[in-house]
Amino acid sequence: MGDPLKQLYEVVVQRKNNPQEGSYTCYLFEQGLNKILKKCGEECTEVVIAAKDEIESEIENEICDLLYHLTVLMVEKEIPLENIYDILKNRSKKIGNLKKMHETDHCS
């Protein structure tokens, strides 16, 4: 089994390059960037609500929906998945980079 995100990315690229009637992905590309961004925002909110409600399967499914729509956004903006992987790899190497907590005077 390969990398599921890479497979998803490749399918989305194929849909953009070879539109198919009845494809939701093609519909998003036809509607343009504003529609794609709107869907990303909606899915992000649904992840937050699912997490608040603490229903694990719903959280997982909403995360998948968000990842799908973010993938459509990446393809629309011509951002290679490898760029995202490289950034994540570099971030995972960082240790001890916590920002100092802002201290407030609760007595005033």
PDB file of N, CA and C in Angstrom:
ATOM      1  N   MET A   1       0.851  -1.193   0.000  1.00  0.00           N
ATOM      2  CA  MET A   1       0.000   0.000   0.000  1.00  0.00           C
ATOM      3  C   MET A   1       0.884   1.240   0.000  1.00  0.00           C
ATOM      4  N   GLY A   2       0.566   2.188  -0.842  1.00  0.00           N
ATOM      5  CA  GLY A   2       1.355   3.403  -0.951  1.00  0.00           C
ATOM      6  C   GLY A   2       0.913   4.471   0.032  1.00  0.00           C
ATOM      7  N   ASP A   3       1.392   5.637  -0.189  1.00  0.00           N
ATOM      8  CA  ASP A   3       1.074   6.802   0.624  1.00  0.00           C
ATOM      9  C   ASP A   3      -0.315   7.319   0.236  1.00  0.00           C
ATOM     10  N   PRO A   4      -1.293   7.247   1.138  1.00  0.00           N
ATOM     11  CA  PRO A   4      -2.664   7.647   0.790  1.00  0.00           C
ATOM     12  C   PRO A   4      -2.784   9.122   0.408  1.00  0.00           C
ATOM     13  N   LEU A   5      -2.010  10.001   1.044  1.00  0.00           N
ATOM     14  CA  LEU A   5      -2.079  11.410   0.676  1.00  0.00           C
ATOM     15  C   LEU A   5      -1.515  11.641  -0.723  1.00  0.00           C
ATOM     16  N   LYS A   6      -0.450  10.926  -1.043  1.00  0.00           N
ATOM     17  CA  LYS A   6       0.125  11.043  -2.384  1.00  0.00           C
ATOM     18  C   LYS A   6      -0.869  10.521  -3.418  1.00  0.00           C
ATOM     19  N   GLN A   7      -1.528   9.412  -3.117  1.00  0.00           N
ATOM     20  CA  GLN A   7      -2.522   8.860  -4.033  1.00  0.00           C
ATOM     21  C   GLN A   7      -3.677   9.841  -4.228  1.00  0.00           C
ATOM     22  N   LEU A   8      -4.134  10.446  -3.145  1.00  0.00           N
ATOM     23  CA  LEU A   8      -5.209  11.429  -3.225  1.00  0.00           C
ATOM     24  C   LEU A   8      -4.766  12.609  -4.080  1.00  0.00           C
ATOM     25  N   TYR A   9      -3.565  13.104  -3.827  1.00  0.00           N
ATOM     26  CA  TYR A   9      -3.029  14.234  -4.584  1.00  0.00           C
ATOM     27  C   TYR A   9      -3.007  13.918  -6.081  1.00  0.00           C
ATOM     28  N   GLU A  10      -2.540  12.727  -6.420  1.00  0.00           N
ATOM     29  CA  GLU A  10      -2.462  12.325  -7.832  1.00  0.00           C
ATOM     30  C   GLU A  10      -3.838  12.254  -8.486  1.00  0.00           C
ATOM     31  N   VAL A  11      -4.828  11.759  -7.754  1.00  0.00           N
ATOM     32  CA  VAL A  11      -6.193  11.702  -8.293  1.00  0.00           C
ATOM     33  C   VAL A  11      -6.726  13.109  -8.524  1.00  0.00           C
ATOM     34  N   VAL A  12      -6.479  14.010  -7.576  1.00  0.00           N
ATOM     35  CA  VAL A  12      -6.952  15.389  -7.716  1.00  0.00           C
ATOM     36  C   VAL A  12      -6.279  16.054  -8.915  1.00  0.00           C
ATOM     37  N   VAL A  13      -4.987  15.838  -9.105  1.00  0.00           N
ATOM     38  CA  VAL A  13      -4.278  16.380 -10.271  1.00  0.00           C
ATOM     39  C   VAL A  13      -4.903  15.842 -11.559  1.00  0.00           C
ATOM     40  N   GLN A  14      -5.193  14.539 -11.580  1.00  0.00           N
ATOM     41  CA  GLN A  14      -5.815  13.936 -12.764  1.00  0.00           C
ATOM     42  C   GLN A  14      -7.169  14.575 -13.069  1.00  0.00           C
ATOM     43  N   ARG A  15      -7.948  14.829 -12.013  1.00  0.00           N
ATOM     44  CA  ARG A  15      -9.264  15.441 -12.216  1.00  0.00           C
ATOM     45  C   ARG A  15      -9.128  16.851 -12.766  1.00  0.00           C
ATOM     46  N   LYS A  16      -8.122  17.586 -12.298  1.00  0.00           N
ATOM     47  CA  LYS A  16      -7.935  18.943 -12.810  1.00  0.00           C
ATOM     48  C   LYS A  16      -7.501  18.916 -14.272  1.00  0.00           C
ATOM     49  N   ASN A  17      -6.617  17.996 -14.611  1.00  0.00           N
ATOM     50  CA  ASN A  17      -6.085  17.918 -15.974  1.00  0.00           C
ATOM     51  C   ASN A  17      -7.036  17.230 -16.947  1.00  0.00           C
ATOM     52  N   ASN A  18      -7.886  16.352 -16.445  1.00  0.00           N
ATOM     53  CA  ASN A  18      -8.817  15.587 -17.278  1.00  0.00           C
ATOM     54  C   ASN A  18     -10.202  15.597 -16.631  1.00  0.00           C
ATOM     55  N   PRO A  19     -10.909  16.704 -16.738  1.00  0.00           N
ATOM     56  CA  PRO A  19     -12.220  16.806 -16.076  1.00  0.00           C
ATOM     57  C   PRO A  19     -13.171  15.681 -16.470  1.00  0.00           C
ATOM     58  N   GLN A  20     -13.905  15.207 -15.474  1.00  0.00           N
ATOM     59  CA  GLN A  20     -14.888  14.151 -15.694  1.00  0.00           C
ATOM     60  C   GLN A  20     -16.250  14.640 -15.222  1.00  0.00           C
ATOM     61  N   GLU A  21     -17.237  14.424 -16.043  1.00  0.00           N
ATOM     62  CA  GLU A  21     -18.588  14.833 -15.698  1.00  0.00           C
ATOM     63  C   GLU A  21     -19.044  14.120 -14.430  1.00  0.00           C
ATOM     64  N   GLY A  22     -19.670  14.860 -13.539  1.00  0.00           N
ATOM     65  CA  GLY A  22     -20.189  14.284 -12.308  1.00  0.00           C
ATOM     66  C   GLY A  22     -19.170  14.200 -11.185  1.00  0.00           C
ATOM     67  N   SER A  23     -17.946  14.641 -11.430  1.00  0.00           N
ATOM     68  CA  SER A  23     -16.897  14.598 -10.408  1.00  0.00           C
ATOM     69  C   SER A  23     -16.997  15.825  -9.506  1.00  0.00           C
ATOM     70  N   TYR A  24     -17.086  15.593  -8.199  1.00  0.00           N
ATOM     71  CA  TYR A  24     -17.130  16.685  -7.235  1.00  0.00           C
ATOM     72  C   TYR A  24     -15.838  17.496  -7.286  1.00  0.00           C
ATOM     73  N   THR A  25     -14.717  16.828  -7.457  1.00  0.00           N
ATOM     74  CA  THR A  25     -13.429  17.511  -7.556  1.00  0.00           C
ATOM     75  C   THR A  25     -13.427  18.458  -8.752  1.00  0.00           C
ATOM     76  N   CYS A  26     -13.912  17.994  -9.882  1.00  0.00           N
ATOM     77  CA  CYS A  26     -13.986  18.842 -11.076  1.00  0.00           C
ATOM     78  C   CYS A  26     -14.925  20.017 -10.841  1.00  0.00           C
ATOM     79  N   TYR A  27     -16.021  19.775 -10.142  1.00  0.00           N
ATOM     80  CA  TYR A  27     -16.963  20.849  -9.795  1.00  0.00           C
ATOM     81  C   TYR A  27     -16.246  21.939  -8.998  1.00  0.00           C
ATOM     82  N   LEU A  28     -15.433  21.536  -8.021  1.00  0.00           N
ATOM     83  CA  LEU A  28     -14.705  22.524  -7.224  1.00  0.00           C
ATOM     84  C   LEU A  28     -13.767  23.352  -8.100  1.00  0.00           C
ATOM     85  N   PHE A  29     -13.043  22.695  -8.992  1.00  0.00           N
ATOM     86  CA  PHE A  29     -12.146  23.423  -9.885  1.00  0.00           C
ATOM     87  C   PHE A  29     -12.921  24.367 -10.802  1.00  0.00           C
ATOM     88  N   GLU A  30     -14.075  23.923 -11.285  1.00  0.00           N
ATOM     89  CA  GLU A  30     -14.897  24.770 -12.154  1.00  0.00           C
ATOM     90  C   GLU A  30     -15.390  26.007 -11.410  1.00  0.00           C
ATOM     91  N   GLN A  31     -15.727  25.835 -10.145  1.00  0.00           N
ATOM     92  CA  GLN A  31     -16.246  26.953  -9.343  1.00  0.00           C
ATOM     93  C   GLN A  31     -15.153  27.947  -8.966  1.00  0.00           C
ATOM     94  N   GLY A  32     -13.921  27.475  -8.887  1.00  0.00           N
ATOM     95  CA  GLY A  32     -12.806  28.381  -8.653  1.00  0.00           C
ATOM     96  C   GLY A  32     -12.331  28.456  -7.211  1.00  0.00           C
ATOM     97  N   LEU A  33     -11.352  29.312  -7.023  1.00  0.00           N
ATOM     98  CA  LEU A  33     -10.654  29.416  -5.744  1.00  0.00           C
ATOM     99  C   LEU A  33     -11.578  29.786  -4.582  1.00  0.00           C
ATOM    100  N   ASN A  34     -12.493  30.715  -4.796  1.00  0.00           N
ATOM    101  CA  ASN A  34     -13.370  31.120  -3.692  1.00  0.00           C
ATOM    102  C   ASN A  34     -14.175  29.942  -3.146  1.00  0.00           C
ATOM    103  N   LYS A  35     -14.681  29.094  -4.033  1.00  0.00           N
ATOM    104  CA  LYS A  35     -15.456  27.924  -3.599  1.00  0.00           C
ATOM    105  C   LYS A  35     -14.557  26.948  -2.845  1.00  0.00           C
ATOM    106  N   ILE A  36     -13.355  26.724  -3.349  1.00  0.00           N
ATOM    107  CA  ILE A  36     -12.409  25.814  -2.695  1.00  0.00           C
ATOM    108  C   ILE A  36     -12.077  26.327  -1.301  1.00  0.00           C
ATOM    109  N   LEU A  37     -11.807  27.623  -1.188  1.00  0.00           N
ATOM    110  CA  LEU A  37     -11.495  28.218   0.120  1.00  0.00           C
ATOM    111  C   LEU A  37     -12.680  28.125   1.077  1.00  0.00           C
ATOM    112  N   LYS A  38     -13.872  28.360   0.555  1.00  0.00           N
ATOM    113  CA  LYS A  38     -15.084  28.251   1.379  1.00  0.00           C
ATOM    114  C   LYS A  38     -15.220  26.840   1.938  1.00  0.00           C
ATOM    115  N   LYS A  39     -14.989  25.846   1.100  1.00  0.00           N
ATOM    116  CA  LYS A  39     -15.097  24.451   1.547  1.00  0.00           C
ATOM    117  C   LYS A  39     -14.014  24.125   2.582  1.00  0.00           C
ATOM    118  N   CYS A  40     -12.803  24.642   2.396  1.00  0.00           N
ATOM    119  CA  CYS A  40     -11.741  24.428   3.391  1.00  0.00           C
ATOM    120  C   CYS A  40     -12.166  25.001   4.738  1.00  0.00           C
ATOM    121  N   GLY A  41     -12.729  26.206   4.713  1.00  0.00           N
ATOM    122  CA  GLY A  41     -13.197  26.826   5.955  1.00  0.00           C
ATOM    123  C   GLY A  41     -14.315  26.035   6.612  1.00  0.00           C
ATOM    124  N   GLU A  42     -15.270  25.592   5.816  1.00  0.00           N
ATOM    125  CA  GLU A  42     -16.382  24.799   6.350  1.00  0.00           C
ATOM    126  C   GLU A  42     -15.885  23.509   6.986  1.00  0.00           C
ATOM    127  N   GLU A  43     -14.986  22.829   6.295  1.00  0.00           N
ATOM    128  CA  GLU A  43     -14.481  21.552   6.813  1.00  0.00           C
ATOM    129  C   GLU A  43     -13.655  21.757   8.079  1.00  0.00           C
ATOM    130  N   CYS A  44     -12.902  22.842   8.136  1.00  0.00           N
ATOM    131  CA  CYS A  44     -12.126  23.139   9.342  1.00  0.00           C
ATOM    132  C   CYS A  44     -13.064  23.327  10.531  1.00  0.00           C
ATOM    133  N   THR A  45     -14.136  24.067  10.321  1.00  0.00           N
ATOM    134  CA  THR A  45     -15.123  24.280  11.383  1.00  0.00           C
ATOM    135  C   THR A  45     -15.755  22.954  11.803  1.00  0.00           C
ATOM    136  N   GLU A  46     -16.032  22.082  10.855  1.00  0.00           N
ATOM    137  CA  GLU A  46     -16.623  20.786  11.174  1.00  0.00           C
ATOM    138  C   GLU A  46     -15.663  19.916  11.980  1.00  0.00           C
ATOM    139  N   VAL A  47     -14.356  20.035  11.725  1.00  0.00           N
ATOM    140  CA  VAL A  47     -13.359  19.314  12.542  1.00  0.00           C
ATOM    141  C   VAL A  47     -13.429  19.818  13.978  1.00  0.00           C
ATOM    142  N   VAL A  48     -13.480  21.124  14.150  1.00  0.00           N
ATOM    143  CA  VAL A  48     -13.523  21.718  15.482  1.00  0.00           C
ATOM    144  C   VAL A  48     -14.770  21.252  16.239  1.00  0.00           C
ATOM    145  N   ILE A  49     -15.916  21.272  15.580  1.00  0.00           N
ATOM    146  CA  ILE A  49     -17.167  20.856  16.224  1.00  0.00           C
ATOM    147  C   ILE A  49     -17.131  19.374  16.575  1.00  0.00           C
ATOM    148  N   ALA A  50     -16.628  18.549  15.668  1.00  0.00           N
ATOM    149  CA  ALA A  50     -16.532  17.109  15.930  1.00  0.00           C
ATOM    150  C   ALA A  50     -15.602  16.852  17.113  1.00  0.00           C
ATOM    151  N   ALA A  51     -14.501  17.579  17.191  1.00  0.00           N
ATOM    152  CA  ALA A  51     -13.567  17.405  18.303  1.00  0.00           C
ATOM    153  C   ALA A  51     -14.213  17.824  19.615  1.00  0.00           C
ATOM    154  N   LYS A  52     -14.983  18.902  19.578  1.00  0.00           N
ATOM    155  CA  LYS A  52     -15.688  19.361  20.774  1.00  0.00           C
ATOM    156  C   LYS A  52     -16.693  18.316  21.240  1.00  0.00           C
ATOM    157  N   ASP A  53     -17.362  17.689  20.301  1.00  0.00           N
ATOM    158  CA  ASP A  53     -18.378  16.686  20.629  1.00  0.00           C
ATOM    159  C   ASP A  53     -17.768  15.340  21.020  1.00  0.00           C
ATOM    160  N   GLU A  54     -16.475  15.192  20.790  1.00  0.00           N
ATOM    161  CA  GLU A  54     -15.704  14.018  21.211  1.00  0.00           C
ATOM    162  C   GLU A  54     -16.214  12.696  20.652  1.00  0.00           C
ATOM    163  N   ILE A  55     -16.615  12.702  19.385  1.00  0.00           N
ATOM    164  CA  ILE A  55     -17.017  11.467  18.719  1.00  0.00           C
ATOM    165  C   ILE A  55     -15.886  11.107  17.759  1.00  0.00           C
ATOM    166  N   GLU A  56     -15.065  10.124  18.170  1.00  0.00           N
ATOM    167  CA  GLU A  56     -13.820   9.829  17.459  1.00  0.00           C
ATOM    168  C   GLU A  56     -14.016   9.576  15.970  1.00  0.00           C
ATOM    169  N   SER A  57     -14.985   8.754  15.610  1.00  0.00           N
ATOM    170  CA  SER A  57     -15.175   8.437  14.186  1.00  0.00           C
ATOM    171  C   SER A  57     -15.575   9.677  13.392  1.00  0.00           C
ATOM    172  N   GLU A  58     -16.333  10.556  14.004  1.00  0.00           N
ATOM    173  CA  GLU A  58     -16.730  11.791  13.327  1.00  0.00           C
ATOM    174  C   GLU A  58     -15.523  12.719  13.159  1.00  0.00           C
ATOM    175  N   ILE A  59     -14.690  12.792  14.186  1.00  0.00           N
ATOM    176  CA  ILE A  59     -13.472  13.602  14.101  1.00  0.00           C
ATOM    177  C   ILE A  59     -12.604  13.099  12.949  1.00  0.00           C
ATOM    178  N   GLU A  60     -12.402  11.799  12.895  1.00  0.00           N
ATOM    179  CA  GLU A  60     -11.566  11.207  11.846  1.00  0.00           C
ATOM    180  C   GLU A  60     -12.115  11.502  10.452  1.00  0.00           C
ATOM    181  N   ASN A  61     -13.418  11.348  10.287  1.00  0.00           N
ATOM    182  CA  ASN A  61     -14.029  11.592   8.980  1.00  0.00           C
ATOM    183  C   ASN A  61     -13.952  13.060   8.585  1.00  0.00           C
ATOM    184  N   GLU A  62     -14.138  13.956   9.539  1.00  0.00           N
ATOM    185  CA  GLU A  62     -14.048  15.378   9.231  1.00  0.00           C
ATOM    186  C   GLU A  62     -12.610  15.785   8.905  1.00  0.00           C
ATOM    187  N   ILE A  63     -11.641  15.186   9.582  1.00  0.00           N
ATOM    188  CA  ILE A  63     -10.233  15.446   9.255  1.00  0.00           C
ATOM    189  C   ILE A  63      -9.949  14.997   7.822  1.00  0.00           C
ATOM    190  N   CYS A  64     -10.478  13.859   7.439  1.00  0.00           N
ATOM    191  CA  CYS A  64     -10.291  13.376   6.059  1.00  0.00           C
ATOM    192  C   CYS A  64     -10.922  14.338   5.060  1.00  0.00           C
ATOM    193  N   ASP A  65     -12.108  14.847   5.369  1.00  0.00           N
ATOM    194  CA  ASP A  65     -12.752  15.820   4.487  1.00  0.00           C
ATOM    195  C   ASP A  65     -11.894  17.078   4.353  1.00  0.00           C
ATOM    196  N   LEU A  66     -11.329  17.536   5.479  1.00  0.00           N
ATOM    197  CA  LEU A  66     -10.479  18.720   5.447  1.00  0.00           C
ATOM    198  C   LEU A  66      -9.218  18.464   4.631  1.00  0.00           C
ATOM    199  N   LEU A  67      -8.590  17.309   4.834  1.00  0.00           N
ATOM    200  CA  LEU A  67      -7.387  16.979   4.064  1.00  0.00           C
ATOM    201  C   LEU A  67      -7.688  16.924   2.568  1.00  0.00           C
ATOM    202  N   TYR A  68      -8.842  16.377   2.212  1.00  0.00           N
ATOM    203  CA  TYR A  68      -9.234  16.335   0.799  1.00  0.00           C
ATOM    204  C   TYR A  68      -9.331  17.753   0.228  1.00  0.00           C
ATOM    205  N   HIS A  69     -10.061  18.619   0.916  1.00  0.00           N
ATOM    206  CA  HIS A  69     -10.252  19.973   0.404  1.00  0.00           C
ATOM    207  C   HIS A  69      -8.940  20.764   0.397  1.00  0.00           C
ATOM    208  N   LEU A  70      -8.073  20.533   1.373  1.00  0.00           N
ATOM    209  CA  LEU A  70      -6.755  21.166   1.354  1.00  0.00           C
ATOM    210  C   LEU A  70      -5.929  20.664   0.176  1.00  0.00           C
ATOM    211  N   THR A  71      -6.104  19.401  -0.172  1.00  0.00           N
ATOM    212  CA  THR A  71      -5.411  18.845  -1.332  1.00  0.00           C
ATOM    213  C   THR A  71      -5.893  19.511  -2.615  1.00  0.00           C
ATOM    214  N   VAL A  72      -7.192  19.714  -2.724  1.00  0.00           N
ATOM    215  CA  VAL A  72      -7.734  20.430  -3.886  1.00  0.00           C
ATOM    216  C   VAL A  72      -7.131  21.832  -3.942  1.00  0.00           C
ATOM    217  N   LEU A  73      -7.021  22.491  -2.799  1.00  0.00           N
ATOM    218  CA  LEU A  73      -6.415  23.821  -2.743  1.00  0.00           C
ATOM    219  C   LEU A  73      -4.956  23.781  -3.198  1.00  0.00           C
ATOM    220  N   MET A  74      -4.203  22.789  -2.737  1.00  0.00           N
ATOM    221  CA  MET A  74      -2.802  22.671  -3.143  1.00  0.00           C
ATOM    222  C   MET A  74      -2.680  22.522  -4.657  1.00  0.00           C
ATOM    223  N   VAL A  75      -3.523  21.684  -5.230  1.00  0.00           N
ATOM    224  CA  VAL A  75      -3.475  21.467  -6.681  1.00  0.00           C
ATOM    225  C   VAL A  75      -3.888  22.745  -7.407  1.00  0.00           C
ATOM    226  N   GLU A  76      -4.914  23.403  -6.924  1.00  0.00           N
ATOM    227  CA  GLU A  76      -5.356  24.653  -7.544  1.00  0.00           C
ATOM    228  C   GLU A  76      -4.239  25.698  -7.530  1.00  0.00           C
ATOM    229  N   LYS A  77      -3.492  25.776  -6.447  1.00  0.00           N
ATOM    230  CA  LYS A  77      -2.412  26.759  -6.307  1.00  0.00           C
ATOM    231  C   LYS A  77      -1.064  26.212  -6.785  1.00  0.00           C
ATOM    232  N   GLU A  78      -1.090  25.007  -7.357  1.00  0.00           N
ATOM    233  CA  GLU A  78       0.104  24.363  -7.912  1.00  0.00           C
ATOM    234  C   GLU A  78       1.218  24.201  -6.871  1.00  0.00           C
ATOM    235  N   ILE A  79       0.822  23.772  -5.684  1.00  0.00           N
ATOM    236  CA  ILE A  79       1.775  23.486  -4.612  1.00  0.00           C
ATOM    237  C   ILE A  79       2.019  21.978  -4.594  1.00  0.00           C
ATOM    238  N   PRO A  80       3.230  21.544  -4.914  1.00  0.00           N
ATOM    239  CA  PRO A  80       3.520  20.104  -4.909  1.00  0.00           C
ATOM    240  C   PRO A  80       3.433  19.520  -3.497  1.00  0.00           C
ATOM    241  N   LEU A  81       2.894  18.333  -3.400  1.00  0.00           N
ATOM    242  CA  LEU A  81       2.797  17.650  -2.113  1.00  0.00           C
ATOM    243  C   LEU A  81       4.181  17.492  -1.484  1.00  0.00           C
ATOM    244  N   GLU A  82       5.192  17.301  -2.309  1.00  0.00           N
ATOM    245  CA  GLU A  82       6.557  17.138  -1.798  1.00  0.00           C
ATOM    246  C   GLU A  82       7.010  18.364  -1.018  1.00  0.00           C
ATOM    247  N   ASN A  83       6.562  19.559  -1.423  1.00  0.00           N
ATOM    248  CA  ASN A  83       6.903  20.772  -0.680  1.00  0.00           C
ATOM    249  C   ASN A  83       6.353  20.713   0.742  1.00  0.00           C
ATOM    250  N   ILE A  84       5.141  20.232   0.864  1.00  0.00           N
ATOM    251  CA  ILE A  84       4.508  20.122   2.177  1.00  0.00           C
ATOM    252  C   ILE A  84       5.242  19.083   3.020  1.00  0.00           C
ATOM    253  N   TYR A  85       5.571  17.950   2.401  1.00  0.00           N
ATOM    254  CA  TYR A  85       6.323  16.912   3.114  1.00  0.00           C
ATOM    255  C   TYR A  85       7.674  17.437   3.585  1.00  0.00           C
ATOM    256  N   ASP A  86       8.358  18.208   2.741  1.00  0.00           N
ATOM    257  CA  ASP A  86       9.657  18.758   3.126  1.00  0.00           C
ATOM    258  C   ASP A  86       9.527  19.689   4.328  1.00  0.00           C
ATOM    259  N   ILE A  87       8.524  20.539   4.313  1.00  0.00           N
ATOM    260  CA  ILE A  87       8.310  21.456   5.436  1.00  0.00           C
ATOM    261  C   ILE A  87       8.021  20.670   6.712  1.00  0.00           C
ATOM    262  N   LEU A  88       7.160  19.652   6.608  1.00  0.00           N
ATOM    263  CA  LEU A  88       6.840  18.835   7.787  1.00  0.00           C
ATOM    264  C   LEU A  88       8.075  18.114   8.317  1.00  0.00           C
ATOM    265  N   LYS A  89       8.898  17.591   7.414  1.00  0.00           N
ATOM    266  CA  LYS A  89      10.133  16.920   7.839  1.00  0.00           C
ATOM    267  C   LYS A  89      11.041  17.892   8.578  1.00  0.00           C
ATOM    268  N   ASN A  90      11.206  19.093   8.040  1.00  0.00           N
ATOM    269  CA  ASN A  90      12.051  20.090   8.694  1.00  0.00           C
ATOM    270  C   ASN A  90      11.491  20.493  10.054  1.00  0.00           C
ATOM    271  N   ARG A  91      10.201  20.628  10.146  1.00  0.00           N
ATOM    272  CA  ARG A  91       9.590  21.001  11.428  1.00  0.00           C
ATOM    273  C   ARG A  91       9.743  19.896  12.461  1.00  0.00           C
ATOM    274  N   SER A  92       9.712  18.652  12.011  1.00  0.00           N
ATOM    275  CA  SER A  92       9.828  17.544  12.969  1.00  0.00           C
ATOM    276  C   SER A  92      11.225  17.456  13.566  1.00  0.00           C
ATOM    277  N   LYS A  93      12.197  18.094  12.929  1.00  0.00           N
ATOM    278  CA  LYS A  93      13.574  18.083  13.436  1.00  0.00           C
ATOM    279  C   LYS A  93      13.799  19.133  14.516  1.00  0.00           C
ATOM    280  N   LYS A  94      12.898  20.071  14.635  1.00  0.00           N
ATOM    281  CA  LYS A  94      13.057  21.146  15.609  1.00  0.00           C
ATOM    282  C   LYS A  94      12.753  20.636  17.009  1.00  0.00           C
ATOM    283  N   ILE A  95      13.638  20.960  17.934  1.00  0.00           N
ATOM    284  CA  ILE A  95      13.453  20.569  19.328  1.00  0.00           C
ATOM    285  C   ILE A  95      13.653  21.804  20.181  1.00  0.00           C
ATOM    286  N   GLY A  96      12.820  21.951  21.186  1.00  0.00           N
ATOM    287  CA  GLY A  96      12.989  23.045  22.130  1.00  0.00           C
ATOM    288  C   GLY A  96      12.713  24.409  21.541  1.00  0.00           C
ATOM    289  N   ASN A  97      11.750  24.493  20.646  1.00  0.00           N
ATOM    290  CA  ASN A  97      11.460  25.789  20.032  1.00  0.00           C
ATOM    291  C   ASN A  97      10.152  26.386  20.550  1.00  0.00           C
ATOM    292  N   LEU A  98       9.784  26.023  21.778  1.00  0.00           N
ATOM    293  CA  LEU A  98       8.572  26.599  22.357  1.00  0.00           C
ATOM    294  C   LEU A  98       8.771  28.077  22.599  1.00  0.00           C
ATOM    295  N   LYS A  99       7.758  28.837  22.296  1.00  0.00           N
ATOM    296  CA  LYS A  99       7.817  30.260  22.576  1.00  0.00           C
ATOM    297  C   LYS A  99       7.556  30.457  24.066  1.00  0.00           C
ATOM    298  N   LYS A 100       8.205  31.451  24.633  1.00  0.00           N
ATOM    299  CA  LYS A 100       8.012  31.718  26.061  1.00  0.00           C
ATOM    300  C   LYS A 100       6.577  32.155  26.293  1.00  0.00           C
ATOM    301  N   MET A 101       6.011  31.625  27.353  1.00  0.00           N
ATOM    302  CA  MET A 101       4.645  31.982  27.711  1.00  0.00           C
ATOM    303  C   MET A 101       4.621  33.449  28.126  1.00  0.00           C
ATOM    304  N   HIS A 102       3.595  34.134  27.740  1.00  0.00           N
ATOM    305  CA  HIS A 102       3.434  35.533  28.109  1.00  0.00           C
ATOM    306  C   HIS A 102       2.985  35.583  29.572  1.00  0.00           C
ATOM    307  N   GLU A 103       3.754  36.266  30.368  1.00  0.00           N
ATOM    308  CA  GLU A 103       3.422  36.379  31.784  1.00  0.00           C
ATOM    309  C   GLU A 103       2.618  37.637  32.008  1.00  0.00           C
ATOM    310  N   THR A 104       1.548  37.509  32.782  1.00  0.00           N
ATOM    311  CA  THR A 104       0.723  38.661  33.099  1.00  0.00           C
ATOM    312  C   THR A 104       0.687  38.865  34.589  1.00  0.00           C
ATOM    313  N   ASP A 105       0.499  40.083  34.984  1.00  0.00           N
ATOM    314  CA  ASP A 105       0.400  40.430  36.411  1.00  0.00           C
ATOM    315  C   ASP A 105      -1.072  40.370  36.774  1.00  0.00           C
ATOM    316  N   HIS A 106      -1.472  39.324  37.481  1.00  0.00           N
ATOM    317  CA  HIS A 106      -2.876  39.132  37.835  1.00  0.00           C
ATOM    318  C   HIS A 106      -3.286  39.985  39.028  1.00  0.00           C
ATOM    319  N   CYS A 107      -2.328  40.679  39.634  1.00  0.00           N
ATOM    320  CA  CYS A 107      -2.607  41.503  40.811  1.00  0.00           C
ATOM    321  C   CYS A 107      -3.039  42.908  40.432  1.00  0.00           C
ATOM    322  N   SER A 108      -2.855  43.305  39.187  1.00  0.00           N
ATOM    323  CA  SER A 108      -3.183  44.679  38.813  1.00  0.00           C
ATOM    324  C   SER A 108      -4.532  44.782  38.171  1.00  0.00           C
TER     325      SER A 108
END
